[in-house]
Amino acid sequence: LIQLRTGHAPLNKHLYNMKSADSPICPACEDAHETVHHFLLSCPVYECHRRDLFFKLRRGSRSLATLLLSLKAIKHTFKFIGKTGRFKRT
């Protein structure tokens, strides 16, 4: 949670800045820098999982602050992350 809040999560943009990834581009969509915002809110590859997340949280769920700060939202955010399988290697 702290890594997501600070932008130091094992996503390609951060890993690239640390010289641990060859590219900052999202490996799922290959269309944008893989930042926390991109991963949680805009990557088209994870849209089906995101719809479920937004449905459960309803109002205000489309903000990074809500997803990472609201006690109710954090549980659902981590379920979303698990469904994407993005952090399985880490």
C-alpha atoms as a PDB file:
ATOM      1  CA  LEU A   1       0.000   0.000   0.000  1.00  0.00           C
ATOM      2  CA  ILE A   2       2.798   2.418   0.882  1.00  0.00           C
ATOM      3  CA  GLN A   3       4.566   1.618  -2.390  1.00  0.00           C
ATOM      4  CA  LEU A   4       1.418   2.403  -4.367  1.00  0.00           C
ATOM      5  CA  ARG A   5       0.825   5.623  -2.431  1.00  0.00           C
ATOM      6  CA  THR A   6       4.387   6.854  -3.000  1.00  0.00           C
ATOM      7  CA  GLY A   7       4.700   5.687  -6.604  1.00  0.00           C
ATOM      8  CA  HIS A   8       7.464   3.244  -5.680  1.00  0.00           C
ATOM      9  CA  ALA A   9       5.533   0.119  -6.615  1.00  0.00           C
ATOM     10  CA  PRO A  10       7.155  -2.523  -8.837  1.00  0.00           C
ATOM     11  CA  LEU A  11       5.624  -1.041 -11.982  1.00  0.00           C
ATOM     12  CA  ASN A  12       7.729  -0.392 -15.062  1.00  0.00           C
ATOM     13  CA  LYS A  13       7.894   3.411 -14.759  1.00  0.00           C
ATOM     14  CA  HIS A  14       9.465   3.187 -11.298  1.00  0.00           C
ATOM     15  CA  LEU A  15      11.596   0.165 -12.181  1.00  0.00           C
ATOM     16  CA  TYR A  16      12.886   1.960 -15.292  1.00  0.00           C
ATOM     17  CA  ASN A  17      13.839   5.005 -13.214  1.00  0.00           C
ATOM     18  CA  MET A  18      15.808   2.661 -10.950  1.00  0.00           C
ATOM     19  CA  LYS A  19      17.468   1.000 -13.999  1.00  0.00           C
ATOM     20  CA  SER A  20      15.714  -2.307 -13.186  1.00  0.00           C
ATOM     21  CA  ALA A  21      13.501  -2.425 -16.292  1.00  0.00           C
ATOM     22  CA  ASP A  22      14.333  -1.898 -19.952  1.00  0.00           C
ATOM     23  CA  SER A  23      11.333   0.332 -20.577  1.00  0.00           C
ATOM     24  CA  PRO A  24       8.791   2.388 -18.627  1.00  0.00           C
ATOM     25  CA  ILE A  25       6.011   1.144 -20.928  1.00  0.00           C
ATOM     26  CA  CYS A  26       3.166  -0.970 -19.551  1.00  0.00           C
ATOM     27  CA  PRO A  27       3.740  -4.627 -20.495  1.00  0.00           C
ATOM     28  CA  ALA A  28      -0.002  -5.295 -20.596  1.00  0.00           C
ATOM     29  CA  CYS A  29      -1.165  -2.665 -23.098  1.00  0.00           C
ATOM     30  CA  GLU A  30       2.212  -1.500 -24.436  1.00  0.00           C
ATOM     31  CA  ASP A  31       0.696   1.948 -24.917  1.00  0.00           C
ATOM     32  CA  ALA A  32       1.647   4.161 -21.952  1.00  0.00           C
ATOM     33  CA  HIS A  33       4.069   4.489 -19.070  1.00  0.00           C
ATOM     34  CA  GLU A  34       3.122   2.010 -16.387  1.00  0.00           C
ATOM     35  CA  THR A  35       2.488   4.274 -13.412  1.00  0.00           C
ATOM     36  CA  VAL A  36       0.253   3.650 -10.421  1.00  0.00           C
ATOM     37  CA  HIS A  37      -2.427   5.832 -12.026  1.00  0.00           C
ATOM     38  CA  HIS A  38      -2.199   3.969 -15.332  1.00  0.00           C
ATOM     39  CA  PHE A  39      -2.309   0.556 -13.654  1.00  0.00           C
ATOM     40  CA  LEU A  40      -5.235   1.291 -11.339  1.00  0.00           C
ATOM     41  CA  LEU A  41      -7.318   3.655 -13.461  1.00  0.00           C
ATOM     42  CA  SER A  42      -6.597   3.584 -17.166  1.00  0.00           C
ATOM     43  CA  CYS A  43      -4.864   0.481 -18.564  1.00  0.00           C
ATOM     44  CA  PRO A  44      -7.384  -0.941 -21.054  1.00  0.00           C
ATOM     45  CA  VAL A  45      -6.210  -4.518 -20.466  1.00  0.00           C
ATOM     46  CA  TYR A  46      -7.516  -4.451 -16.889  1.00  0.00           C
ATOM     47  CA  GLU A  47     -10.830  -2.746 -17.719  1.00  0.00           C
ATOM     48  CA  CYS A  48     -12.978  -5.818 -16.967  1.00  0.00           C
ATOM     49  CA  HIS A  49     -11.471  -6.089 -13.471  1.00  0.00           C
ATOM     50  CA  ARG A  50     -11.746  -2.331 -12.992  1.00  0.00           C
ATOM     51  CA  ARG A  51     -15.477  -2.352 -13.812  1.00  0.00           C
ATOM     52  CA  ASP A  52     -16.015  -4.823 -10.956  1.00  0.00           C
ATOM     53  CA  LEU A  53     -13.952  -2.620  -8.612  1.00  0.00           C
ATOM     54  CA  PHE A  54     -15.910   0.518  -9.535  1.00  0.00           C
ATOM     55  CA  PHE A  55     -19.231  -1.291  -9.236  1.00  0.00           C
ATOM     56  CA  LYS A  56     -18.437  -2.363  -5.666  1.00  0.00           C
ATOM     57  CA  LEU A  57     -17.209   1.071  -4.607  1.00  0.00           C
ATOM     58  CA  ARG A  58     -19.684   3.128  -6.614  1.00  0.00           C
ATOM     59  CA  ARG A  59     -19.414   6.847  -6.046  1.00  0.00           C
ATOM     60  CA  GLY A  60     -15.992   8.478  -5.911  1.00  0.00           C
ATOM     61  CA  SER A  61     -14.144   5.296  -6.777  1.00  0.00           C
ATOM     62  CA  ARG A  62     -12.558   6.662  -9.908  1.00  0.00           C
ATOM     63  CA  SER A  63      -9.941   8.616  -8.036  1.00  0.00           C
ATOM     64  CA  LEU A  64      -6.507   7.432  -7.022  1.00  0.00           C
ATOM     65  CA  ALA A  65      -6.929   9.081  -3.621  1.00  0.00           C
ATOM     66  CA  THR A  66     -10.093   7.097  -2.928  1.00  0.00           C
ATOM     67  CA  LEU A  67      -8.578   3.800  -4.054  1.00  0.00           C
ATOM     68  CA  LEU A  68      -5.464   4.231  -1.913  1.00  0.00           C
ATOM     69  CA  LEU A  69      -6.754   6.126   1.132  1.00  0.00           C
ATOM     70  CA  SER A  70     -10.330   5.048   1.837  1.00  0.00           C
ATOM     71  CA  LEU A  71     -10.455   2.158   4.303  1.00  0.00           C
ATOM     72  CA  LYS A  72     -13.444   0.701   2.468  1.00  0.00           C
ATOM     73  CA  ALA A  73     -11.738   0.991  -0.928  1.00  0.00           C
ATOM     74  CA  ILE A  74      -8.342  -0.455   0.006  1.00  0.00           C
ATOM     75  CA  LYS A  75      -9.725  -3.974   0.409  1.00  0.00           C
ATOM     76  CA  HIS A  76     -11.336  -3.820  -3.035  1.00  0.00           C
ATOM     77  CA  THR A  77      -8.240  -2.228  -4.562  1.00  0.00           C
ATOM     78  CA  PHE A  78      -6.139  -5.160  -3.400  1.00  0.00           C
ATOM     79  CA  LYS A  79      -8.689  -7.612  -4.779  1.00  0.00           C
ATOM     80  CA  PHE A  80      -8.402  -5.810  -8.117  1.00  0.00           C
ATOM     81  CA  ILE A  81      -4.609  -6.060  -7.964  1.00  0.00           C
ATOM     82  CA  GLY A  82      -4.835  -9.774  -7.235  1.00  0.00           C
ATOM     83  CA  LYS A  83      -7.182 -10.360 -10.168  1.00  0.00           C
ATOM     84  CA  THR A  84      -4.806  -8.625 -12.575  1.00  0.00           C
ATOM     85  CA  GLY A  85      -1.949 -10.913 -11.567  1.00  0.00           C
ATOM     86  CA  ARG A  86       0.455  -8.027 -12.149  1.00  0.00           C
ATOM     87  CA  PHE A  87       2.497  -8.498  -8.975  1.00  0.00           C
ATOM     88  CA  LYS A  88       2.679 -12.295  -8.921  1.00  0.00           C
ATOM     89  CA  ARG A  89       6.425 -12.309  -9.626  1.00  0.00           C
ATOM     90  CA  THR A  90       7.102  -9.866  -6.804  1.00  0.00           C
END
